[in-house]
PDB file of all heavy atoms in Angstrom:
ATOM      1  N   ILE A   1      -5.759 -13.103   5.971  1.00  0.00           N
ATOM      2  CA  ILE A   1      -5.778 -11.740   5.414  1.00  0.00           C
ATOM      3  C   ILE A   1      -7.066 -11.025   5.812  1.00  0.00           C
ATOM      4  O   ILE A   1      -7.016  -9.872   6.259  1.00  0.00           O
ATOM      5  CB  ILE A   1      -5.612 -11.795   3.876  1.00  0.00           C
ATOM      6  CG1 ILE A   1      -4.219 -12.254   3.510  1.00  0.00           C
ATOM      7  CG2 ILE A   1      -5.905 -10.433   3.254  1.00  0.00           C
ATOM      8  CD1 ILE A   1      -4.020 -12.558   2.047  1.00  0.00           C
ATOM      9  N   ARG A   2      -8.180 -11.673   5.636  1.00  0.00           N
ATOM     10  CA  ARG A   2      -9.461 -11.064   6.010  1.00  0.00           C
ATOM     11  C   ARG A   2      -9.529 -10.771   7.493  1.00  0.00           C
ATOM     12  O   ARG A   2     -10.053  -9.720   7.898  1.00  0.00           O
ATOM     13  CB  ARG A   2     -10.596 -11.989   5.584  1.00  0.00           C
ATOM     14  CG  ARG A   2     -10.806 -12.009   4.099  1.00  0.00           C
ATOM     15  CD  ARG A   2     -11.992 -12.875   3.740  1.00  0.00           C
ATOM     16  NE  ARG A   2     -12.215 -12.837   2.309  1.00  0.00           N
ATOM     17  CZ  ARG A   2     -12.830 -13.784   1.634  1.00  0.00           C
ATOM     18  NH1 ARG A   2     -13.266 -14.861   2.256  1.00  0.00           N
ATOM     19  NH2 ARG A   2     -12.999 -13.678   0.351  1.00  0.00           N
ATOM     20  N   LEU A   3      -9.025 -11.672   8.314  1.00  0.00           N
ATOM     21  CA  LEU A   3      -9.044 -11.461   9.757  1.00  0.00           C
ATOM     22  C   LEU A   3      -8.195 -10.252  10.144  1.00  0.00           C
ATOM     23  O   LEU A   3      -8.624  -9.408  10.918  1.00  0.00           O
ATOM     24  CB  LEU A   3      -8.521 -12.706  10.485  1.00  0.00           C
ATOM     25  CG  LEU A   3      -8.409 -12.572  12.002  1.00  0.00           C
ATOM     26  CD1 LEU A   3      -9.774 -12.349  12.622  1.00  0.00           C
ATOM     27  CD2 LEU A   3      -7.753 -13.812  12.579  1.00  0.00           C
ATOM     28  N   SER A   4      -7.005 -10.116   9.553  1.00  0.00           N
ATOM     29  CA  SER A   4      -6.154  -8.979   9.905  1.00  0.00           C
ATOM     30  C   SER A   4      -6.785  -7.666   9.439  1.00  0.00           C
ATOM     31  O   SER A   4      -6.679  -6.644  10.120  1.00  0.00           O
ATOM     32  CB  SER A   4      -4.751  -9.153   9.326  1.00  0.00           C
ATOM     33  OG  SER A   4      -4.773  -9.031   7.913  1.00  0.00           O
ATOM     34  N   LEU A   5      -7.456  -7.670   8.267  1.00  0.00           N
ATOM     35  CA  LEU A   5      -8.161  -6.470   7.819  1.00  0.00           C
ATOM     36  C   LEU A   5      -9.295  -6.112   8.764  1.00  0.00           C
ATOM     37  O   LEU A   5      -9.499  -4.939   9.088  1.00  0.00           O
ATOM     38  CB  LEU A   5      -8.654  -6.657   6.398  1.00  0.00           C
ATOM     39  CG  LEU A   5      -7.618  -6.613   5.287  1.00  0.00           C
ATOM     40  CD1 LEU A   5      -8.248  -7.006   3.961  1.00  0.00           C
ATOM     41  CD2 LEU A   5      -6.988  -5.234   5.209  1.00  0.00           C
ATOM     42  N   ALA A   6     -10.059  -7.111   9.177  1.00  0.00           N
ATOM     43  CA  ALA A   6     -11.170  -6.858  10.103  1.00  0.00           C
ATOM     44  C   ALA A   6     -10.661  -6.318  11.439  1.00  0.00           C
ATOM     45  O   ALA A   6     -11.242  -5.371  11.991  1.00  0.00           O
ATOM     46  CB  ALA A   6     -11.985  -8.129  10.303  1.00  0.00           C
ATOM     47  N   GLN A   7      -9.573  -6.884  11.954  1.00  0.00           N
ATOM     48  CA  GLN A   7      -9.035  -6.412  13.208  1.00  0.00           C
ATOM     49  C   GLN A   7      -8.524  -4.985  13.102  1.00  0.00           C
ATOM     50  O   GLN A   7      -8.736  -4.173  14.011  1.00  0.00           O
ATOM     51  CB  GLN A   7      -7.898  -7.339  13.689  1.00  0.00           C
ATOM     52  CG  GLN A   7      -8.399  -8.670  14.171  1.00  0.00           C
ATOM     53  CD  GLN A   7      -7.275  -9.650  14.424  1.00  0.00           C
ATOM     54  OE1 GLN A   7      -6.202  -9.553  13.845  1.00  0.00           O
ATOM     55  NE2 GLN A   7      -7.527 -10.602  15.318  1.00  0.00           N
ATOM     56  N   ALA A   8      -7.860  -4.657  11.996  1.00  0.00           N
ATOM     57  CA  ALA A   8      -7.378  -3.288  11.809  1.00  0.00           C
ATOM     58  C   ALA A   8      -8.522  -2.311  11.683  1.00  0.00           C
ATOM     59  O   ALA A   8      -8.465  -1.192  12.209  1.00  0.00           O
ATOM     60  CB  ALA A   8      -6.473  -3.240  10.573  1.00  0.00           C
ATOM     61  N   PHE A   9      -9.595  -2.718  11.004  1.00  0.00           N
ATOM     62  CA  PHE A   9     -10.757  -1.831  10.820  1.00  0.00           C
ATOM     63  C   PHE A   9     -11.431  -1.584  12.164  1.00  0.00           C
ATOM     64  O   PHE A   9     -11.792  -0.440  12.516  1.00  0.00           O
ATOM     65  CB  PHE A   9     -11.715  -2.447   9.824  1.00  0.00           C
ATOM     66  CG  PHE A   9     -12.843  -1.516   9.456  1.00  0.00           C
ATOM     67  CD1 PHE A   9     -12.637  -0.367   8.733  1.00  0.00           C
ATOM     68  CD2 PHE A   9     -14.139  -1.813   9.864  1.00  0.00           C
ATOM     69  CE1 PHE A   9     -13.674   0.486   8.415  1.00  0.00           C
ATOM     70  CE2 PHE A   9     -15.185  -0.970   9.557  1.00  0.00           C
ATOM     71  CZ  PHE A   9     -14.946   0.191   8.831  1.00  0.00           C
ATOM     72  N   ILE A  10     -11.607  -2.639  12.965  1.00  0.00           N
ATOM     73  CA  ILE A  10     -12.226  -2.489  14.290  1.00  0.00           C
ATOM     74  C   ILE A  10     -11.357  -1.606  15.175  1.00  0.00           C
ATOM     75  O   ILE A  10     -11.878  -0.749  15.917  1.00  0.00           O
ATOM     76  CB  ILE A  10     -12.476  -3.856  14.934  1.00  0.00           C
ATOM     77  CG1 ILE A  10     -13.513  -4.662  14.146  1.00  0.00           C
ATOM     78  CG2 ILE A  10     -12.887  -3.728  16.396  1.00  0.00           C
ATOM     79  CD1 ILE A  10     -14.886  -4.004  14.084  1.00  0.00           C
ATOM     80  N   ASP A  11     -10.044  -1.771  15.116  1.00  0.00           N
ATOM     81  CA  ASP A  11      -9.140  -0.951  15.902  1.00  0.00           C
ATOM     82  C   ASP A  11      -9.271   0.532  15.532  1.00  0.00           C
ATOM     83  O   ASP A  11      -9.323   1.405  16.396  1.00  0.00           O
ATOM     84  CB  ASP A  11      -7.699  -1.428  15.689  1.00  0.00           C
ATOM     85  CG  ASP A  11      -6.714  -0.727  16.626  1.00  0.00           C
ATOM     86  OD1 ASP A  11      -7.044  -0.554  17.805  1.00  0.00           O
ATOM     87  OD2 ASP A  11      -5.630  -0.366  16.142  1.00  0.00           O
ATOM     88  N   MET A  12      -9.389   0.803  14.208  1.00  0.00           N
ATOM     89  CA  MET A  12      -9.580   2.172  13.741  1.00  0.00           C
ATOM     90  C   MET A  12     -10.923   2.731  14.265  1.00  0.00           C
ATOM     91  O   MET A  12     -10.982   3.867  14.732  1.00  0.00           O
ATOM     92  CB  MET A  12      -9.535   2.236  12.229  1.00  0.00           C
ATOM     93  CG  MET A  12      -9.691   3.639  11.667  1.00  0.00           C
ATOM     94  SD  MET A  12      -9.976   3.685   9.900  1.00  0.00           S
ATOM     95  CE  MET A  12     -11.696   3.197   9.819  1.00  0.00           C
ATOM     96  N   LEU A  13     -11.965   1.924  14.173  1.00  0.00           N
ATOM     97  CA  LEU A  13     -13.281   2.383  14.621  1.00  0.00           C
ATOM     98  C   LEU A  13     -13.325   2.626  16.136  1.00  0.00           C
ATOM     99  O   LEU A  13     -13.992   3.559  16.585  1.00  0.00           O
ATOM    100  CB  LEU A  13     -14.368   1.389  14.214  1.00  0.00           C
ATOM    101  CG  LEU A  13     -14.711   1.375  12.747  1.00  0.00           C
ATOM    102  CD1 LEU A  13     -15.800   0.323  12.476  1.00  0.00           C
ATOM    103  CD2 LEU A  13     -15.159   2.728  12.247  1.00  0.00           C
ATOM    104  N   LEU A  14     -12.653   1.786  16.920  1.00  0.00           N
ATOM    105  CA  LEU A  14     -12.613   1.986  18.360  1.00  0.00           C
ATOM    106  C   LEU A  14     -11.919   3.303  18.704  1.00  0.00           C
ATOM    107  O   LEU A  14     -12.373   4.060  19.583  1.00  0.00           O
ATOM    108  CB  LEU A  14     -11.905   0.823  19.052  1.00  0.00           C
ATOM    109  CG  LEU A  14     -12.708  -0.458  19.145  1.00  0.00           C
ATOM    110  CD1 LEU A  14     -11.840  -1.576  19.693  1.00  0.00           C
ATOM    111  CD2 LEU A  14     -13.949  -0.272  19.991  1.00  0.00           C
ATOM    112  N   GLU A  15     -10.832   3.586  18.005  1.00  0.00           N
ATOM    113  CA  GLU A  15     -10.120   4.857  18.221  1.00  0.00           C
ATOM    114  C   GLU A  15     -11.015   6.045  17.817  1.00  0.00           C
ATOM    115  O   GLU A  15     -11.055   7.067  18.463  1.00  0.00           O
ATOM    116  CB  GLU A  15      -8.819   4.879  17.455  1.00  0.00           C
ATOM    117  CG  GLU A  15      -7.974   6.058  17.788  1.00  0.00           C
ATOM    118  CD  GLU A  15      -6.516   5.728  17.909  1.00  0.00           C
ATOM    119  OE1 GLU A  15      -6.139   4.560  17.897  1.00  0.00           O
ATOM    120  OE2 GLU A  15      -5.763   6.682  18.044  1.00  0.00           O
ATOM    121  N   ALA A  16     -11.734   5.873  16.704  1.00  0.00           N
ATOM    122  CA  ALA A  16     -12.628   6.941  16.234  1.00  0.00           C
ATOM    123  C   ALA A  16     -13.762   7.172  17.225  1.00  0.00           C
ATOM    124  O   ALA A  16     -14.124   8.325  17.512  1.00  0.00           O
ATOM    125  CB  ALA A  16     -13.176   6.574  14.869  1.00  0.00           C
ATOM    126  N   TYR A  17     -14.324   6.107  17.747  1.00  0.00           N
ATOM    127  CA  TYR A  17     -15.417   6.232  18.713  1.00  0.00           C
ATOM    128  C   TYR A  17     -14.902   6.917  19.990  1.00  0.00           C
ATOM    129  O   TYR A  17     -15.593   7.797  20.557  1.00  0.00           O
ATOM    130  CB  TYR A  17     -16.002   4.859  19.044  1.00  0.00           C
ATOM    131  CG  TYR A  17     -17.081   4.924  20.102  1.00  0.00           C
ATOM    132  CD1 TYR A  17     -18.328   5.494  19.816  1.00  0.00           C
ATOM    133  CD2 TYR A  17     -16.863   4.448  21.371  1.00  0.00           C
ATOM    134  CE1 TYR A  17     -19.315   5.560  20.772  1.00  0.00           C
ATOM    135  CE2 TYR A  17     -17.843   4.517  22.341  1.00  0.00           C
ATOM    136  CZ  TYR A  17     -19.072   5.066  22.049  1.00  0.00           C
ATOM    137  OH  TYR A  17     -20.050   5.130  22.991  1.00  0.00           O
ATOM    138  N   ASP A  18     -13.734   6.528  20.446  1.00  0.00           N
ATOM    139  CA  ASP A  18     -13.168   7.143  21.639  1.00  0.00           C
ATOM    140  C   ASP A  18     -12.933   8.638  21.443  1.00  0.00           C
ATOM    141  O   ASP A  18     -13.226   9.459  22.312  1.00  0.00           O
ATOM    142  CB  ASP A  18     -11.850   6.440  21.995  1.00  0.00           C
ATOM    143  CG  ASP A  18     -11.244   6.970  23.278  1.00  0.00           C
ATOM    144  OD1 ASP A  18     -11.919   6.903  24.300  1.00  0.00           O
ATOM    145  OD2 ASP A  18     -10.084   7.444  23.229  1.00  0.00           O
ATOM    146  N   ALA A  19     -12.429   8.992  20.262  1.00  0.00           N
ATOM    147  CA  ALA A  19     -12.182  10.420  19.956  1.00  0.00           C
ATOM    148  C   ALA A  19     -13.502  11.185  19.897  1.00  0.00           C
ATOM    149  O   ALA A  19     -13.575  12.331  20.350  1.00  0.00           O
ATOM    150  CB  ALA A  19     -11.431  10.551  18.623  1.00  0.00           C
ATOM    151  N   LEU A  20     -14.519  10.581  19.332  1.00  0.00           N
ATOM    152  CA  LEU A  20     -15.835  11.242  19.264  1.00  0.00           C
ATOM    153  C   LEU A  20     -16.457  11.391  20.641  1.00  0.00           C
ATOM    154  O   LEU A  20     -16.945  12.455  21.012  1.00  0.00           O
ATOM    155  CB  LEU A  20     -16.774  10.477  18.334  1.00  0.00           C
ATOM    156  CG  LEU A  20     -18.162  11.059  18.138  1.00  0.00           C
ATOM    157  CD1 LEU A  20     -18.075  12.438  17.494  1.00  0.00           C
ATOM    158  CD2 LEU A  20     -18.972  10.125  17.272  1.00  0.00           C
ATOM    159  N   LEU A  21     -16.381  10.346  21.424  1.00  0.00           N
ATOM    160  CA  LEU A  21     -17.001  10.326  22.753  1.00  0.00           C
ATOM    161  C   LEU A  21     -16.331  11.293  23.710  1.00  0.00           C
ATOM    162  O   LEU A  21     -16.998  12.062  24.413  1.00  0.00           O
ATOM    163  CB  LEU A  21     -16.969   8.906  23.319  1.00  0.00           C
ATOM    164  CG  LEU A  21     -17.619   8.679  24.674  1.00  0.00           C
ATOM    165  CD1 LEU A  21     -19.136   8.931  24.579  1.00  0.00           C
ATOM    166  CD2 LEU A  21     -17.360   7.275  25.158  1.00  0.00           C
ATOM    167  N   HIS A  22     -15.000  11.288  23.744  1.00  0.00           N
ATOM    168  CA  HIS A  22     -14.276  12.067  24.742  1.00  0.00           C
ATOM    169  C   HIS A  22     -13.792  13.444  24.275  1.00  0.00           C
ATOM    170  O   HIS A  22     -13.544  14.311  25.090  1.00  0.00           O
ATOM    171  CB  HIS A  22     -13.105  11.266  25.288  1.00  0.00           C
ATOM    172  CG  HIS A  22     -13.511  10.012  25.970  1.00  0.00           C
ATOM    173  ND1 HIS A  22     -14.190   9.997  27.172  1.00  0.00           N
ATOM    174  CD2 HIS A  22     -13.381   8.717  25.609  1.00  0.00           C
ATOM    175  CE1 HIS A  22     -14.433   8.749  27.535  1.00  0.00           C
ATOM    176  NE2 HIS A  22     -13.964   7.953  26.593  1.00  0.00           N
ATOM    177  N   HIS A  23     -13.649  13.614  22.966  1.00  0.00           N
ATOM    178  CA  HIS A  23     -13.054  14.857  22.466  1.00  0.00           C
ATOM    179  C   HIS A  23     -13.905  15.568  21.428  1.00  0.00           C
ATOM    180  O   HIS A  23     -13.555  16.645  20.977  1.00  0.00           O
ATOM    181  CB  HIS A  23     -11.659  14.577  21.892  1.00  0.00           C
ATOM    182  CG  HIS A  23     -10.747  13.923  22.865  1.00  0.00           C
ATOM    183  ND1 HIS A  23     -10.145  14.594  23.902  1.00  0.00           N
ATOM    184  CD2 HIS A  23     -10.355  12.621  22.991  1.00  0.00           C
ATOM    185  CE1 HIS A  23      -9.409  13.758  24.600  1.00  0.00           C
ATOM    186  NE2 HIS A  23      -9.518  12.543  24.058  1.00  0.00           N
ATOM    187  N   GLY A  24     -14.964  14.942  20.970  1.00  0.00           N
ATOM    188  CA  GLY A  24     -15.828  15.562  19.961  1.00  0.00           C
ATOM    189  C   GLY A  24     -15.231  15.594  18.581  1.00  0.00           C
ATOM    190  O   GLY A  24     -15.592  16.449  17.759  1.00  0.00           O
ATOM    191  N   VAL A  25     -14.319  14.678  18.271  1.00  0.00           N
ATOM    192  CA  VAL A  25     -13.673  14.627  16.945  1.00  0.00           C
ATOM    193  C   VAL A  25     -14.388  13.595  16.087  1.00  0.00           C
ATOM    194  O   VAL A  25     -14.457  12.436  16.441  1.00  0.00           O
ATOM    195  CB  VAL A  25     -12.177  14.250  17.074  1.00  0.00           C
ATOM    196  CG1 VAL A  25     -11.549  14.058  15.720  1.00  0.00           C
ATOM    197  CG2 VAL A  25     -11.434  15.316  17.875  1.00  0.00           C
ATOM    198  N   ASN A  26     -14.962  14.063  14.970  1.00  0.00           N
ATOM    199  CA  ASN A  26     -15.656  13.174  14.048  1.00  0.00           C
ATOM    200  C   ASN A  26     -14.692  12.787  12.926  1.00  0.00           C
ATOM    201  O   ASN A  26     -14.262  13.632  12.160  1.00  0.00           O
ATOM    202  CB  ASN A  26     -16.896  13.859  13.498  1.00  0.00           C
ATOM    203  CG  ASN A  26     -17.706  12.958  12.611  1.00  0.00           C
ATOM    204  OD1 ASN A  26     -17.382  11.789  12.386  1.00  0.00           O
ATOM    205  ND2 ASN A  26     -18.809  13.484  12.094  1.00  0.00           N
ATOM    206  N   TYR A  27     -14.405  11.493  12.812  1.00  0.00           N
ATOM    207  CA  TYR A  27     -13.395  11.073  11.821  1.00  0.00           C
ATOM    208  C   TYR A  27     -13.886  11.205  10.387  1.00  0.00           C
ATOM    209  O   TYR A  27     -13.075  11.247   9.467  1.00  0.00           O
ATOM    210  CB  TYR A  27     -12.928   9.640  12.108  1.00  0.00           C
ATOM    211  CG  TYR A  27     -13.878   8.532  11.740  1.00  0.00           C
ATOM    212  CD1 TYR A  27     -13.718   7.826  10.554  1.00  0.00           C
ATOM    213  CD2 TYR A  27     -14.908   8.171  12.583  1.00  0.00           C
ATOM    214  CE1 TYR A  27     -14.575   6.795  10.217  1.00  0.00           C
ATOM    215  CE2 TYR A  27     -15.772   7.150  12.263  1.00  0.00           C
ATOM    216  CZ  TYR A  27     -15.611   6.470  11.085  1.00  0.00           C
ATOM    217  OH  TYR A  27     -16.451   5.452  10.758  1.00  0.00           O
ATOM    218  N   HIS A  28     -15.174  11.316  10.176  1.00  0.00           N
ATOM    219  CA  HIS A  28     -15.706  11.477   8.812  1.00  0.00           C
ATOM    220  C   HIS A  28     -15.316  12.831   8.210  1.00  0.00           C
ATOM    221  O   HIS A  28     -15.333  12.998   6.996  1.00  0.00           O
ATOM    222  CB  HIS A  28     -17.231  11.353   8.797  1.00  0.00           C
ATOM    223  CG  HIS A  28     -17.708   9.964   9.006  1.00  0.00           C
ATOM    224  ND1 HIS A  28     -17.728   9.015   8.018  1.00  0.00           N
ATOM    225  CD2 HIS A  28     -18.161   9.344  10.115  1.00  0.00           C
ATOM    226  CE1 HIS A  28     -18.189   7.875   8.495  1.00  0.00           C
ATOM    227  NE2 HIS A  28     -18.470   8.052   9.766  1.00  0.00           N
ATOM    228  N   THR A  29     -14.959  13.779   9.044  1.00  0.00           N
ATOM    229  CA  THR A  29     -14.604  15.100   8.540  1.00  0.00           C
ATOM    230  C   THR A  29     -13.096  15.276   8.330  1.00  0.00           C
ATOM    231  O   THR A  29     -12.676  16.313   7.839  1.00  0.00           O
ATOM    232  CB  THR A  29     -15.076  16.197   9.514  1.00  0.00           C
ATOM    233  OG1 THR A  29     -14.443  16.005  10.781  1.00  0.00           O
ATOM    234  CG2 THR A  29     -16.596  16.150   9.699  1.00  0.00           C
ATOM    235  N   LEU A  30     -12.310  14.291   8.696  1.00  0.00           N
ATOM    236  CA  LEU A  30     -10.854  14.401   8.593  1.00  0.00           C
ATOM    237  C   LEU A  30     -10.371  14.177   7.157  1.00  0.00           C
ATOM    238  O   LEU A  30     -10.937  13.378   6.418  1.00  0.00           O
ATOM    239  CB  LEU A  30     -10.201  13.399   9.538  1.00  0.00           C
ATOM    240  CG  LEU A  30     -10.524  13.580  11.015  1.00  0.00           C
ATOM    241  CD1 LEU A  30      -9.918  12.452  11.835  1.00  0.00           C
ATOM    242  CD2 LEU A  30     -10.030  14.921  11.524  1.00  0.00           C
ATOM    243  N   PRO A  31      -9.289  14.870   6.765  1.00  0.00           N
ATOM    244  CA  PRO A  31      -8.790  14.755   5.387  1.00  0.00           C
ATOM    245  C   PRO A  31      -8.348  13.332   5.032  1.00  0.00           C
ATOM    246  O   PRO A  31      -8.550  12.903   3.885  1.00  0.00           O
ATOM    247  CB  PRO A  31      -7.585  15.703   5.370  1.00  0.00           C
ATOM    248  CG  PRO A  31      -7.762  16.611   6.492  1.00  0.00           C
ATOM    249  CD  PRO A  31      -8.580  15.891   7.509  1.00  0.00           C
ATOM    250  N   ALA A  32      -7.750  12.615   5.955  1.00  0.00           N
ATOM    251  CA  ALA A  32      -7.283  11.254   5.639  1.00  0.00           C
ATOM    252  C   ALA A  32      -8.446  10.316   5.339  1.00  0.00           C
ATOM    253  O   ALA A  32      -8.316   9.431   4.485  1.00  0.00           O
ATOM    254  CB  ALA A  32      -6.468  10.704   6.805  1.00  0.00           C
ATOM    255  N   TYR A  33      -9.580  10.525   5.980  1.00  0.00           N
ATOM    256  CA  TYR A  33     -10.741   9.697   5.718  1.00  0.00           C
ATOM    257  C   TYR A  33     -11.366  10.040   4.378  1.00  0.00           C
ATOM    258  O   TYR A  33     -11.833   9.174   3.639  1.00  0.00           O
ATOM    259  CB  TYR A  33     -11.783   9.848   6.830  1.00  0.00           C
ATOM    260  CG  TYR A  33     -13.002   8.987   6.625  1.00  0.00           C
ATOM    261  CD1 TYR A  33     -12.970   7.639   6.949  1.00  0.00           C
ATOM    262  CD2 TYR A  33     -14.170   9.498   6.092  1.00  0.00           C
ATOM    263  CE1 TYR A  33     -14.064   6.830   6.736  1.00  0.00           C
ATOM    264  CE2 TYR A  33     -15.282   8.706   5.898  1.00  0.00           C
ATOM    265  CZ  TYR A  33     -15.231   7.375   6.212  1.00  0.00           C
ATOM    266  OH  TYR A  33     -16.310   6.579   6.016  1.00  0.00           O
ATOM    267  N   LYS A  34     -11.376  11.304   4.046  1.00  0.00           N
ATOM    268  CA  LYS A  34     -11.979  11.742   2.770  1.00  0.00           C
ATOM    269  C   LYS A  34     -11.144  11.384   1.575  1.00  0.00           C
ATOM    270  O   LYS A  34     -11.666  11.304   0.477  1.00  0.00           O
ATOM    271  CB  LYS A  34     -12.204  13.269   2.816  1.00  0.00           C
ATOM    272  CG  LYS A  34     -13.290  13.678   3.767  1.00  0.00           C
ATOM    273  CD  LYS A  34     -13.471  15.168   3.745  1.00  0.00           C
ATOM    274  CE  LYS A  34     -14.575  15.584   4.677  1.00  0.00           C
ATOM    275  NZ  LYS A  34     -14.779  17.019   4.677  1.00  0.00           N
ATOM    276  N   ASP A  35      -9.850  11.162   1.769  1.00  0.00           N
ATOM    277  CA  ASP A  35      -8.952  10.796   0.645  1.00  0.00           C
ATOM    278  C   ASP A  35      -9.117   9.295   0.334  1.00  0.00           C
ATOM    279  O   ASP A  35      -8.506   8.450   0.953  1.00  0.00           O
ATOM    280  CB  ASP A  35      -7.512  11.100   1.016  1.00  0.00           C
ATOM    281  CG  ASP A  35      -6.544  10.797  -0.113  1.00  0.00           C
ATOM    282  OD1 ASP A  35      -6.999  10.721  -1.279  1.00  0.00           O
ATOM    283  OD2 ASP A  35      -5.356  10.613   0.161  1.00  0.00           O
ATOM    284  N   GLN A  36      -9.984   9.003  -0.615  1.00  0.00           N
ATOM    285  CA  GLN A  36     -10.322   7.631  -0.950  1.00  0.00           C
ATOM    286  C   GLN A  36      -9.536   7.099  -2.135  1.00  0.00           C
ATOM    287  O   GLN A  36      -9.781   5.980  -2.596  1.00  0.00           O
ATOM    288  CB  GLN A  36     -11.822   7.554  -1.258  1.00  0.00           C
ATOM    289  CG  GLN A  36     -12.735   8.021  -0.159  1.00  0.00           C
ATOM    290  CD  GLN A  36     -12.908   6.975   0.920  1.00  0.00           C
ATOM    291  OE1 GLN A  36     -12.979   5.813   0.642  1.00  0.00           O
ATOM    292  NE2 GLN A  36     -12.951   7.436   2.151  1.00  0.00           N
ATOM    293  N   GLU A  37      -8.570   7.851  -2.637  1.00  0.00           N
ATOM    294  CA  GLU A  37      -7.829   7.461  -3.837  1.00  0.00           C
ATOM    295  C   GLU A  37      -7.088   6.127  -3.645  1.00  0.00           C
ATOM    296  O   GLU A  37      -7.107   5.256  -4.523  1.00  0.00           O
ATOM    297  CB  GLU A  37      -6.838   8.548  -4.223  1.00  0.00           C
ATOM    298  CG  GLU A  37      -6.093   8.272  -5.509  1.00  0.00           C
ATOM    299  CD  GLU A  37      -5.153   9.421  -5.856  1.00  0.00           C
ATOM    300  OE1 GLU A  37      -5.499  10.571  -5.586  1.00  0.00           O
ATOM    301  OE2 GLU A  37      -4.096   9.103  -6.414  1.00  0.00           O
ATOM    302  N   LEU A  38      -6.470   5.964  -2.490  1.00  0.00           N
ATOM    303  CA  LEU A  38      -5.728   4.728  -2.205  1.00  0.00           C
ATOM    304  C   LEU A  38      -6.690   3.531  -2.177  1.00  0.00           C
ATOM    305  O   LEU A  38      -6.371   2.443  -2.680  1.00  0.00           O
ATOM    306  CB  LEU A  38      -5.001   4.866  -0.872  1.00  0.00           C
ATOM    307  CG  LEU A  38      -4.020   3.759  -0.494  1.00  0.00           C
ATOM    308  CD1 LEU A  38      -2.883   3.715  -1.498  1.00  0.00           C
ATOM    309  CD2 LEU A  38      -3.475   4.007   0.892  1.00  0.00           C
ATOM    310  N   LEU A  39      -7.869   3.733  -1.602  1.00  0.00           N
ATOM    311  CA  LEU A  39      -8.865   2.645  -1.540  1.00  0.00           C
ATOM    312  C   LEU A  39      -9.422   2.319  -2.920  1.00  0.00           C
ATOM    313  O   LEU A  39      -9.680   1.160  -3.225  1.00  0.00           O
ATOM    314  CB  LEU A  39     -10.000   3.029  -0.594  1.00  0.00           C
ATOM    315  CG  LEU A  39      -9.651   3.159   0.864  1.00  0.00           C
ATOM    316  CD1 LEU A  39     -10.886   3.523   1.664  1.00  0.00           C
ATOM    317  CD2 LEU A  39      -9.020   1.900   1.399  1.00  0.00           C
TER     318      LEU A  39
END
C-alpha cells in the first residue's frame, strides 16, 4: 500500500514538474490541489 502511494505521488510530481518546466503551469495554484477536504 505504501509503495503504491509513493509511486502515485511521484508520478503526480513528475507530471507537475513537466508542466511547470515546459508550460509554466504551477500545480500549487490549481483548484484540485487546493481542495484538501478529501485528504
